[in-house]
Amino acid sequence: MPSHKRAKLHSVYIPKLDVEHRRISQAMDELNRVVAAGGEAHEVLQDLIDDLGAHLNGEERMMRTSAYPAYAWHKHQHDAARKRLKQFTERVETGESGAVCEMVDFFRSWLRDHTGLHDRMMAAYLRNFERAHAPAAS
């Protein structure tokens, strides 16, 4: 899928989150390229893990700060992704053939589904929260 279409696919219309979603998607692309070229995937995989972890932690911080009513539900989705990431990482570290490609396929689908529903709901709430708590114009 062309990158401009993928950018829209992951858009939640909060610039910081949109940039992070694109960065995660690009890291998955890079991981696929490295593996396809027969390169060493460890460093690229670690970058993806770090980016994904920082992103999920940041979203959770935003939800707590704004008292997002669906926080527990959304965090449960994050925790499930963290668990799958740990499982895939263990498989990759043992050298299991195909584990990296399976992981990228899984997380590309997960990111699409997660941003399409969970993150868009959260982002709508956050935008409304920010408007409601913005200082009044004089």
C-alpha atoms as a PDB file:
ATOM      1  CA  MET A   1       0.000   0.000   0.000  1.00  0.00           C
ATOM      2  CA  PRO A   2       1.431   3.439  -0.879  1.00  0.00           C
ATOM      3  CA  SER A   3       2.644   5.382   2.155  1.00  0.00           C
ATOM      4  CA  HIS A   4       0.174   8.279   1.651  1.00  0.00           C
ATOM      5  CA  LYS A   5      -2.771   5.854   1.806  1.00  0.00           C
ATOM      6  CA  ARG A   6      -1.278   4.099   4.832  1.00  0.00           C
ATOM      7  CA  ALA A   7      -0.846   7.498   6.536  1.00  0.00           C
ATOM      8  CA  LYS A   8      -4.588   8.156   6.203  1.00  0.00           C
ATOM      9  CA  LEU A   9      -5.341   4.625   7.352  1.00  0.00           C
ATOM     10  CA  HIS A  10      -3.570   5.260  10.666  1.00  0.00           C
ATOM     11  CA  SER A  11      -4.761   8.856  11.137  1.00  0.00           C
ATOM     12  CA  VAL A  12      -6.564   9.697  14.344  1.00  0.00           C
ATOM     13  CA  TYR A  13      -6.186  13.456  13.778  1.00  0.00           C
ATOM     14  CA  ILE A  14      -3.961  14.106  16.752  1.00  0.00           C
ATOM     15  CA  PRO A  15      -0.648  15.054  15.116  1.00  0.00           C
ATOM     16  CA  LYS A  16       1.626  13.501  17.770  1.00  0.00           C
ATOM     17  CA  LEU A  17      -0.176  10.154  17.567  1.00  0.00           C
ATOM     18  CA  ASP A  18      -0.350  10.239  13.771  1.00  0.00           C
ATOM     19  CA  VAL A  19       3.423  10.764  13.579  1.00  0.00           C
ATOM     20  CA  GLU A  20       3.991   7.864  15.973  1.00  0.00           C
ATOM     21  CA  HIS A  21       1.647   5.580  14.008  1.00  0.00           C
ATOM     22  CA  ARG A  22       3.543   6.407  10.806  1.00  0.00           C
ATOM     23  CA  ARG A  23       6.880   5.790  12.542  1.00  0.00           C
ATOM     24  CA  ILE A  24       5.722   2.358  13.736  1.00  0.00           C
ATOM     25  CA  SER A  25       4.441   1.489  10.266  1.00  0.00           C
ATOM     26  CA  GLN A  26       7.739   2.621   8.710  1.00  0.00           C
ATOM     27  CA  ALA A  27       9.689   0.533  11.237  1.00  0.00           C
ATOM     28  CA  MET A  28       7.666  -2.507  10.166  1.00  0.00           C
ATOM     29  CA  ASP A  29       8.451  -1.733   6.525  1.00  0.00           C
ATOM     30  CA  GLU A  30      12.146  -1.438   7.356  1.00  0.00           C
ATOM     31  CA  LEU A  31      12.077  -4.709   9.283  1.00  0.00           C
ATOM     32  CA  ASN A  32      10.500  -6.444   6.282  1.00  0.00           C
ATOM     33  CA  ARG A  33      13.171  -4.961   3.965  1.00  0.00           C
ATOM     34  CA  VAL A  34      16.026  -6.098   6.219  1.00  0.00           C
ATOM     35  CA  VAL A  35      14.651  -9.622   6.537  1.00  0.00           C
ATOM     36  CA  ALA A  36      13.931  -9.874   2.790  1.00  0.00           C
ATOM     37  CA  ALA A  37      17.519  -8.816   2.071  1.00  0.00           C
ATOM     38  CA  GLY A  38      18.831 -11.461   4.473  1.00  0.00           C
ATOM     39  CA  GLY A  39      20.162  -8.845   6.888  1.00  0.00           C
ATOM     40  CA  GLU A  40      20.405  -8.818  10.662  1.00  0.00           C
ATOM     41  CA  ALA A  41      17.039  -7.770  12.041  1.00  0.00           C
ATOM     42  CA  HIS A  42      17.913  -7.388  15.735  1.00  0.00           C
ATOM     43  CA  GLU A  43      18.566  -3.621  15.764  1.00  0.00           C
ATOM     44  CA  VAL A  44      15.550  -2.805  13.571  1.00  0.00           C
ATOM     45  CA  LEU A  45      13.376  -5.113  15.676  1.00  0.00           C
ATOM     46  CA  GLN A  46      14.558  -3.392  18.860  1.00  0.00           C
ATOM     47  CA  ASP A  47      13.710   0.020  17.348  1.00  0.00           C
ATOM     48  CA  LEU A  48      10.218  -1.233  16.526  1.00  0.00           C
ATOM     49  CA  ILE A  49       9.755  -2.638  20.041  1.00  0.00           C
ATOM     50  CA  ASP A  50      10.959   0.635  21.583  1.00  0.00           C
ATOM     51  CA  ASP A  51       8.740   2.786  19.332  1.00  0.00           C
ATOM     52  CA  LEU A  52       5.692   0.639  19.961  1.00  0.00           C
ATOM     53  CA  GLY A  53       6.266   0.561  23.720  1.00  0.00           C
ATOM     54  CA  ALA A  54       6.780   4.318  23.954  1.00  0.00           C
ATOM     55  CA  HIS A  55       3.681   4.914  21.837  1.00  0.00           C
ATOM     56  CA  LEU A  56       1.430   2.667  23.932  1.00  0.00           C
ATOM     57  CA  ASN A  57       2.759   4.177  27.172  1.00  0.00           C
ATOM     58  CA  GLY A  58       2.182   7.688  25.814  1.00  0.00           C
ATOM     59  CA  GLU A  59      -1.387   6.918  24.790  1.00  0.00           C
ATOM     60  CA  GLU A  60      -2.095   5.438  28.208  1.00  0.00           C
ATOM     61  CA  ARG A  61      -0.687   8.558  29.882  1.00  0.00           C
ATOM     62  CA  MET A  62      -2.947  10.757  27.724  1.00  0.00           C
ATOM     63  CA  MET A  63      -5.975   8.616  28.591  1.00  0.00           C
ATOM     64  CA  ARG A  64      -5.262   8.745  32.332  1.00  0.00           C
ATOM     65  CA  THR A  65      -4.648  12.498  32.279  1.00  0.00           C
ATOM     66  CA  SER A  66      -7.978  13.117  30.560  1.00  0.00           C
ATOM     67  CA  ALA A  67      -9.892  10.505  32.610  1.00  0.00           C
ATOM     68  CA  TYR A  68     -10.839   8.649  29.426  1.00  0.00           C
ATOM     69  CA  PRO A  69     -13.879   6.541  30.378  1.00  0.00           C
ATOM     70  CA  ALA A  70     -12.840   3.576  28.203  1.00  0.00           C
ATOM     71  CA  TYR A  71      -9.284   3.521  29.546  1.00  0.00           C
ATOM     72  CA  ALA A  72      -9.465  -0.020  30.957  1.00  0.00           C
ATOM     73  CA  TRP A  73     -10.882  -1.398  27.693  1.00  0.00           C
ATOM     74  CA  HIS A  74      -8.262   0.407  25.590  1.00  0.00           C
ATOM     75  CA  LYS A  75      -5.391  -0.558  27.905  1.00  0.00           C
ATOM     76  CA  HIS A  76      -6.531  -4.181  27.702  1.00  0.00           C
ATOM     77  CA  GLN A  77      -5.995  -3.965  23.920  1.00  0.00           C
ATOM     78  CA  HIS A  78      -2.499  -2.565  24.518  1.00  0.00           C
ATOM     79  CA  ASP A  79      -1.684  -5.275  27.042  1.00  0.00           C
ATOM     80  CA  ALA A  80      -2.754  -7.969  24.583  1.00  0.00           C
ATOM     81  CA  ALA A  81      -0.453  -6.412  21.954  1.00  0.00           C
ATOM     82  CA  ARG A  82       2.422  -6.278  24.445  1.00  0.00           C
ATOM     83  CA  LYS A  83       1.912  -9.958  25.224  1.00  0.00           C
ATOM     84  CA  ARG A  84       1.937 -10.881  21.520  1.00  0.00           C
ATOM     85  CA  LEU A  85       5.027  -8.728  20.958  1.00  0.00           C
ATOM     86  CA  LYS A  86       6.829 -10.580  23.760  1.00  0.00           C
ATOM     87  CA  GLN A  87       5.835 -13.939  22.244  1.00  0.00           C
ATOM     88  CA  PHE A  88       7.029 -12.923  18.788  1.00  0.00           C
ATOM     89  CA  THR A  89      10.257 -11.460  20.175  1.00  0.00           C
ATOM     90  CA  GLU A  90      11.041 -14.733  21.948  1.00  0.00           C
ATOM     91  CA  ARG A  91      10.458 -16.645  18.713  1.00  0.00           C
ATOM     92  CA  VAL A  92      12.678 -14.250  16.759  1.00  0.00           C
ATOM     93  CA  GLU A  93      15.450 -14.443  19.367  1.00  0.00           C
ATOM     94  CA  THR A  94      15.497 -18.242  19.138  1.00  0.00           C
ATOM     95  CA  GLY A  95      16.011 -17.892  15.385  1.00  0.00           C
ATOM     96  CA  GLU A  96      12.646 -19.309  14.385  1.00  0.00           C
ATOM     97  CA  SER A  97      12.311 -19.042  10.632  1.00  0.00           C
ATOM     98  CA  GLY A  98       9.461 -16.794   9.539  1.00  0.00           C
ATOM     99  CA  ALA A  99       8.787 -15.327  12.997  1.00  0.00           C
ATOM    100  CA  VAL A 100       9.737 -11.782  11.945  1.00  0.00           C
ATOM    101  CA  CYS A 101       7.447 -11.850   8.918  1.00  0.00           C
ATOM    102  CA  GLU A 102       4.590 -13.280  10.992  1.00  0.00           C
ATOM    103  CA  MET A 103       5.150 -10.590  13.599  1.00  0.00           C
ATOM    104  CA  VAL A 104       5.101  -7.789  11.042  1.00  0.00           C
ATOM    105  CA  ASP A 105       1.958  -9.200   9.419  1.00  0.00           C
ATOM    106  CA  PHE A 106       0.261  -9.483  12.800  1.00  0.00           C
ATOM    107  CA  PHE A 107       1.190  -5.976  13.955  1.00  0.00           C
ATOM    108  CA  ARG A 108       0.391  -4.347  10.635  1.00  0.00           C
ATOM    109  CA  SER A 109      -3.117  -5.802  10.903  1.00  0.00           C
ATOM    110  CA  TRP A 110      -3.325  -5.000  14.610  1.00  0.00           C
ATOM    111  CA  LEU A 111      -2.243  -1.396  14.046  1.00  0.00           C
ATOM    112  CA  ARG A 112      -4.812  -0.949  11.270  1.00  0.00           C
ATOM    113  CA  ASP A 113      -7.624  -2.383  13.377  1.00  0.00           C
ATOM    114  CA  HIS A 114      -6.541  -0.669  16.590  1.00  0.00           C
ATOM    115  CA  THR A 115      -6.154   2.793  15.082  1.00  0.00           C
ATOM    116  CA  GLY A 116      -9.348   2.368  13.067  1.00  0.00           C
ATOM    117  CA  LEU A 117     -11.508   1.837  16.155  1.00  0.00           C
ATOM    118  CA  HIS A 118      -9.837   2.132  19.554  1.00  0.00           C
ATOM    119  CA  ASP A 119      -7.510   5.028  18.805  1.00  0.00           C
ATOM    120  CA  ARG A 120     -10.077   7.000  16.817  1.00  0.00           C
ATOM    121  CA  MET A 121     -12.560   6.728  19.683  1.00  0.00           C
ATOM    122  CA  MET A 122      -9.886   7.814  22.144  1.00  0.00           C
ATOM    123  CA  ALA A 123      -8.728  10.650  19.899  1.00  0.00           C
ATOM    124  CA  ALA A 124     -12.261  12.013  19.521  1.00  0.00           C
ATOM    125  CA  TYR A 125     -12.589  12.029  23.295  1.00  0.00           C
ATOM    126  CA  LEU A 126      -9.178  13.711  23.701  1.00  0.00           C
ATOM    127  CA  ARG A 127     -10.005  16.432  21.165  1.00  0.00           C
ATOM    128  CA  ASN A 128     -13.289  17.148  22.969  1.00  0.00           C
ATOM    129  CA  PHE A 129     -11.504  17.088  26.338  1.00  0.00           C
ATOM    130  CA  GLU A 130      -8.926  19.595  25.104  1.00  0.00           C
ATOM    131  CA  ARG A 131     -11.625  21.910  23.720  1.00  0.00           C
ATOM    132  CA  ALA A 132     -13.599  21.728  26.968  1.00  0.00           C
ATOM    133  CA  HIS A 133     -10.509  22.473  29.074  1.00  0.00           C
ATOM    134  CA  ALA A 134      -8.890  25.075  26.842  1.00  0.00           C
ATOM    135  CA  PRO A 135      -8.546  28.551  28.370  1.00  0.00           C
ATOM    136  CA  ALA A 136     -11.398  30.792  27.321  1.00  0.00           C
ATOM    137  CA  ALA A 137     -10.528  33.338  24.640  1.00  0.00           C
ATOM    138  CA  SER A 138     -10.758  36.897  25.870  1.00  0.00           C
END
